[in-house]
Amino acid sequence: MTASFPKASGKQELEAGMLVAPRFDANGLVTAVVTDASDGTLLMVAHMNDEALARTIESGQAWYWSRSRQELWLKGATSGETQKVVEIRTDCDQDAIWIKVETGGTGAACHTGMRSCFYRRIEKTDNGPVLVRDETPPRFDPETVYRR
């Protein structure tokens, strides 16, 4: 599948029109913020190229562009941690996508086995900032699932 989204004719069409005209960056990517449709938990932030976005819209399953592997990937194809799309939104100037999903498998979105990729918080200490991990254990063992 080769996708090609149109370009908006101007600011008015981009911000107030009905045209789906994502503004991909210089690398051909748009940022996708992914949340759980049932409780709003921020699950992950990923990137999509035009083909990933088109496949997501068409199939109702989340597709992304892997910057590290330089390839399209269907979320859950290897891990079973699927993402069924409930709703897709774009921001005012169409340079970011928000996807609300229903998760499959164990409900983990992160390749580490955690439900959310945001499982650590930054805390200020006298010796500088440190990362503190949530107490919640991983939902799956990545070494077993991905067999690297």
C-alpha atoms as a PDB file:
ATOM      1  CA  MET A   1       0.000   0.000   0.000  1.00  0.00           C
ATOM      2  CA  THR A   2       1.355   3.376  -0.981  1.00  0.00           C
ATOM      3  CA  ALA A   3      -0.346   6.281   0.705  1.00  0.00           C
ATOM      4  CA  SER A   4      -0.364   9.899  -0.236  1.00  0.00           C
ATOM      5  CA  PHE A   5      -2.258  12.426   1.831  1.00  0.00           C
ATOM      6  CA  PRO A   6      -3.104  15.763   0.227  1.00  0.00           C
ATOM      7  CA  LYS A   7      -1.574  19.052   1.303  1.00  0.00           C
ATOM      8  CA  ALA A   8      -3.858  21.692   2.764  1.00  0.00           C
ATOM      9  CA  SER A   9      -4.231  24.788   0.608  1.00  0.00           C
ATOM     10  CA  GLY A  10      -3.720  27.071   3.574  1.00  0.00           C
ATOM     11  CA  LYS A  11      -4.070  27.645   7.285  1.00  0.00           C
ATOM     12  CA  GLN A  12      -7.875  27.829   7.185  1.00  0.00           C
ATOM     13  CA  GLU A  13      -8.216  24.450   5.447  1.00  0.00           C
ATOM     14  CA  LEU A  14      -5.539  22.899   7.686  1.00  0.00           C
ATOM     15  CA  GLU A  15      -7.015  24.107  10.970  1.00  0.00           C
ATOM     16  CA  ALA A  16     -10.749  24.311  10.290  1.00  0.00           C
ATOM     17  CA  GLY A  17     -11.418  22.232   7.194  1.00  0.00           C
ATOM     18  CA  MET A  18     -12.468  18.621   6.674  1.00  0.00           C
ATOM     19  CA  LEU A  19      -9.332  17.589   4.748  1.00  0.00           C
ATOM     20  CA  VAL A  20      -7.061  15.001   6.372  1.00  0.00           C
ATOM     21  CA  ALA A  21      -3.713  16.602   5.531  1.00  0.00           C
ATOM     22  CA  PRO A  22      -1.104  15.493   8.078  1.00  0.00           C
ATOM     23  CA  ARG A  23       2.022  17.617   8.255  1.00  0.00           C
ATOM     24  CA  PHE A  24       4.837  15.074   8.195  1.00  0.00           C
ATOM     25  CA  ASP A  25       8.268  16.279   9.346  1.00  0.00           C
ATOM     26  CA  ALA A  26      11.447  16.368   7.239  1.00  0.00           C
ATOM     27  CA  ASN A  27      11.828  12.605   7.798  1.00  0.00           C
ATOM     28  CA  GLY A  28       8.290  11.946   6.595  1.00  0.00           C
ATOM     29  CA  LEU A  29       6.985  11.221  10.103  1.00  0.00           C
ATOM     30  CA  VAL A  30       4.242  12.479  12.373  1.00  0.00           C
ATOM     31  CA  THR A  31       4.169  11.887  16.142  1.00  0.00           C
ATOM     32  CA  ALA A  32       1.415   9.574  17.411  1.00  0.00           C
ATOM     33  CA  VAL A  33       0.273   9.732  21.031  1.00  0.00           C
ATOM     34  CA  VAL A  34      -1.520   6.527  22.060  1.00  0.00           C
ATOM     35  CA  THR A  35      -3.945   6.242  24.983  1.00  0.00           C
ATOM     36  CA  ASP A  36      -6.199   3.525  26.364  1.00  0.00           C
ATOM     37  CA  ALA A  37      -9.744   4.268  25.192  1.00  0.00           C
ATOM     38  CA  SER A  38     -11.318   2.936  28.386  1.00  0.00           C
ATOM     39  CA  ASP A  39      -9.367   4.840  31.053  1.00  0.00           C
ATOM     40  CA  GLY A  40      -7.225   7.419  29.228  1.00  0.00           C
ATOM     41  CA  THR A  41      -3.860   5.991  30.333  1.00  0.00           C
ATOM     42  CA  LEU A  42      -1.010   7.276  28.181  1.00  0.00           C
ATOM     43  CA  LEU A  43       0.379   4.061  26.706  1.00  0.00           C
ATOM     44  CA  MET A  44       3.053   5.146  24.263  1.00  0.00           C
ATOM     45  CA  VAL A  45       4.340   7.743  21.842  1.00  0.00           C
ATOM     46  CA  ALA A  46       5.359   6.493  18.423  1.00  0.00           C
ATOM     47  CA  HIS A  47       5.857   7.728  14.885  1.00  0.00           C
ATOM     48  CA  MET A  48       3.889   7.153  11.715  1.00  0.00           C
ATOM     49  CA  ASN A  49       4.752   7.730   8.096  1.00  0.00           C
ATOM     50  CA  ASP A  50       2.007   8.200   5.509  1.00  0.00           C
ATOM     51  CA  GLU A  51       1.669   4.449   4.914  1.00  0.00           C
ATOM     52  CA  ALA A  52       1.403   3.623   8.629  1.00  0.00           C
ATOM     53  CA  LEU A  53      -1.300   6.251   9.081  1.00  0.00           C
ATOM     54  CA  ALA A  54      -3.191   5.076   5.993  1.00  0.00           C
ATOM     55  CA  ARG A  55      -3.023   1.419   7.113  1.00  0.00           C
ATOM     56  CA  THR A  56      -4.200   2.388  10.590  1.00  0.00           C
ATOM     57  CA  ILE A  57      -7.183   4.283   9.192  1.00  0.00           C
ATOM     58  CA  GLU A  58      -8.039   1.505   6.728  1.00  0.00           C
ATOM     59  CA  SER A  59      -7.543  -1.544   8.981  1.00  0.00           C
ATOM     60  CA  GLY A  60      -8.597  -0.235  12.396  1.00  0.00           C
ATOM     61  CA  GLN A  61      -5.383  -1.709  13.848  1.00  0.00           C
ATOM     62  CA  ALA A  62      -2.426   0.455  14.897  1.00  0.00           C
ATOM     63  CA  TRP A  63       0.533   0.561  12.518  1.00  0.00           C
ATOM     64  CA  TYR A  64       3.714   2.535  13.216  1.00  0.00           C
ATOM     65  CA  TRP A  65       7.060   3.372  11.649  1.00  0.00           C
ATOM     66  CA  SER A  66      10.069   1.998  13.513  1.00  0.00           C
ATOM     67  CA  ARG A  67      12.838   4.560  13.347  1.00  0.00           C
ATOM     68  CA  SER A  68      15.381   2.057  14.688  1.00  0.00           C
ATOM     69  CA  ARG A  69      14.467  -0.733  12.239  1.00  0.00           C
ATOM     70  CA  GLN A  70      13.437   1.612   9.410  1.00  0.00           C
ATOM     71  CA  GLU A  71      10.288  -0.393   8.697  1.00  0.00           C
ATOM     72  CA  LEU A  72       6.530  -0.467   9.192  1.00  0.00           C
ATOM     73  CA  TRP A  73       5.236  -2.535  12.083  1.00  0.00           C
ATOM     74  CA  LEU A  74       1.810  -3.689  13.060  1.00  0.00           C
ATOM     75  CA  LYS A  75       1.501  -3.290  16.830  1.00  0.00           C
ATOM     76  CA  GLY A  76       1.197  -6.744  18.372  1.00  0.00           C
ATOM     77  CA  ALA A  77       2.260  -8.764  15.314  1.00  0.00           C
ATOM     78  CA  THR A  78       5.114 -10.313  17.311  1.00  0.00           C
ATOM     79  CA  SER A  79       4.094  -9.761  20.931  1.00  0.00           C
ATOM     80  CA  GLY A  80       0.342 -10.278  20.690  1.00  0.00           C
ATOM     81  CA  GLU A  81      -0.103  -6.882  22.396  1.00  0.00           C
ATOM     82  CA  THR A  82      -2.455  -5.552  19.746  1.00  0.00           C
ATOM     83  CA  GLN A  83      -4.066  -2.134  19.536  1.00  0.00           C
ATOM     84  CA  LYS A  84      -7.559  -1.887  18.061  1.00  0.00           C
ATOM     85  CA  VAL A  85      -8.296   1.685  17.070  1.00  0.00           C
ATOM     86  CA  VAL A  86     -11.346   3.259  18.683  1.00  0.00           C
ATOM     87  CA  GLU A  87     -10.726   6.848  17.568  1.00  0.00           C
ATOM     88  CA  ILE A  88      -8.087   8.873  15.743  1.00  0.00           C
ATOM     89  CA  ARG A  89      -7.708  12.608  16.271  1.00  0.00           C
ATOM     90  CA  THR A  90      -5.290  15.191  14.976  1.00  0.00           C
ATOM     91  CA  ASP A  91      -4.161  18.407  16.612  1.00  0.00           C
ATOM     92  CA  CYS A  92      -5.004  21.884  15.300  1.00  0.00           C
ATOM     93  CA  ASP A  93      -2.242  22.072  12.698  1.00  0.00           C
ATOM     94  CA  GLN A  94      -2.192  18.345  11.901  1.00  0.00           C
ATOM     95  CA  ASP A  95       1.395  17.656  12.949  1.00  0.00           C
ATOM     96  CA  ALA A  96       0.478  15.186  15.713  1.00  0.00           C
ATOM     97  CA  ILE A  97      -1.942  12.266  15.890  1.00  0.00           C
ATOM     98  CA  TRP A  98      -3.820  10.994  18.971  1.00  0.00           C
ATOM     99  CA  ILE A  99      -4.979   7.388  18.803  1.00  0.00           C
ATOM    100  CA  LYS A 100      -7.372   5.917  21.367  1.00  0.00           C
ATOM    101  CA  VAL A 101      -7.087   2.129  21.421  1.00  0.00           C
ATOM    102  CA  GLU A 102      -8.394  -1.049  22.992  1.00  0.00           C
ATOM    103  CA  THR A 103      -5.434  -3.227  23.876  1.00  0.00           C
ATOM    104  CA  GLY A 104      -5.228  -6.964  23.303  1.00  0.00           C
ATOM    105  CA  GLY A 105      -3.007  -9.575  24.887  1.00  0.00           C
ATOM    106  CA  THR A 106      -1.995  -8.652  28.419  1.00  0.00           C
ATOM    107  CA  GLY A 107      -2.673  -4.968  27.765  1.00  0.00           C
ATOM    108  CA  ALA A 108       1.011  -4.035  27.685  1.00  0.00           C
ATOM    109  CA  ALA A 109       2.001  -1.329  25.218  1.00  0.00           C
ATOM    110  CA  CYS A 110       5.729  -1.187  25.974  1.00  0.00           C
ATOM    111  CA  HIS A 111       8.340  -3.556  24.525  1.00  0.00           C
ATOM    112  CA  THR A 112       9.665  -3.915  28.103  1.00  0.00           C
ATOM    113  CA  GLY A 113       6.444  -5.675  29.097  1.00  0.00           C
ATOM    114  CA  MET A 114       5.048  -2.694  30.986  1.00  0.00           C
ATOM    115  CA  ARG A 115       1.480  -1.484  30.382  1.00  0.00           C
ATOM    116  CA  SER A 116       2.725   2.012  29.500  1.00  0.00           C
ATOM    117  CA  CYS A 117       6.064   3.158  28.145  1.00  0.00           C
ATOM    118  CA  PHE A 118       5.891   5.854  30.855  1.00  0.00           C
ATOM    119  CA  TYR A 119       6.615   3.603  33.840  1.00  0.00           C
ATOM    120  CA  ARG A 120       9.298   5.847  35.396  1.00  0.00           C
ATOM    121  CA  ARG A 121       8.977   9.321  36.832  1.00  0.00           C
ATOM    122  CA  ILE A 122      11.668  11.946  37.289  1.00  0.00           C
ATOM    123  CA  GLU A 123      12.194  13.054  40.872  1.00  0.00           C
ATOM    124  CA  LYS A 124      14.336  15.888  42.103  1.00  0.00           C
ATOM    125  CA  THR A 125      16.935  14.975  44.746  1.00  0.00           C
ATOM    126  CA  ASP A 126      19.767  16.872  46.410  1.00  0.00           C
ATOM    127  CA  ASN A 127      22.161  15.017  44.061  1.00  0.00           C
ATOM    128  CA  GLY A 128      20.188  15.858  40.917  1.00  0.00           C
ATOM    129  CA  PRO A 129      17.251  14.262  39.134  1.00  0.00           C
ATOM    130  CA  VAL A 130      16.747  10.486  39.297  1.00  0.00           C
ATOM    131  CA  LEU A 131      14.351   8.053  37.649  1.00  0.00           C
ATOM    132  CA  VAL A 132      12.012   6.151  39.949  1.00  0.00           C
ATOM    133  CA  ARG A 133      10.273   3.087  38.565  1.00  0.00           C
ATOM    134  CA  ASP A 134       6.594   2.381  39.252  1.00  0.00           C
ATOM    135  CA  GLU A 135       5.921  -0.561  41.541  1.00  0.00           C
ATOM    136  CA  THR A 136       3.804  -2.347  38.941  1.00  0.00           C
ATOM    137  CA  PRO A 137       5.564  -5.424  37.514  1.00  0.00           C
ATOM    138  CA  PRO A 138       5.827  -6.085  33.752  1.00  0.00           C
ATOM    139  CA  ARG A 139       2.885  -7.880  32.159  1.00  0.00           C
ATOM    140  CA  PHE A 140       5.117 -10.142  30.075  1.00  0.00           C
ATOM    141  CA  ASP A 141       8.764 -11.186  29.783  1.00  0.00           C
ATOM    142  CA  PRO A 142      10.238  -9.486  26.693  1.00  0.00           C
ATOM    143  CA  GLU A 143      13.005 -12.083  26.375  1.00  0.00           C
ATOM    144  CA  THR A 144      10.381 -14.796  25.988  1.00  0.00           C
ATOM    145  CA  VAL A 145       8.089 -12.812  23.713  1.00  0.00           C
ATOM    146  CA  TYR A 146      10.696 -11.350  21.366  1.00  0.00           C
ATOM    147  CA  ARG A 147      13.388 -14.092  21.543  1.00  0.00           C
ATOM    148  CA  ARG A 148      16.198 -11.745  20.608  1.00  0.00           C
END
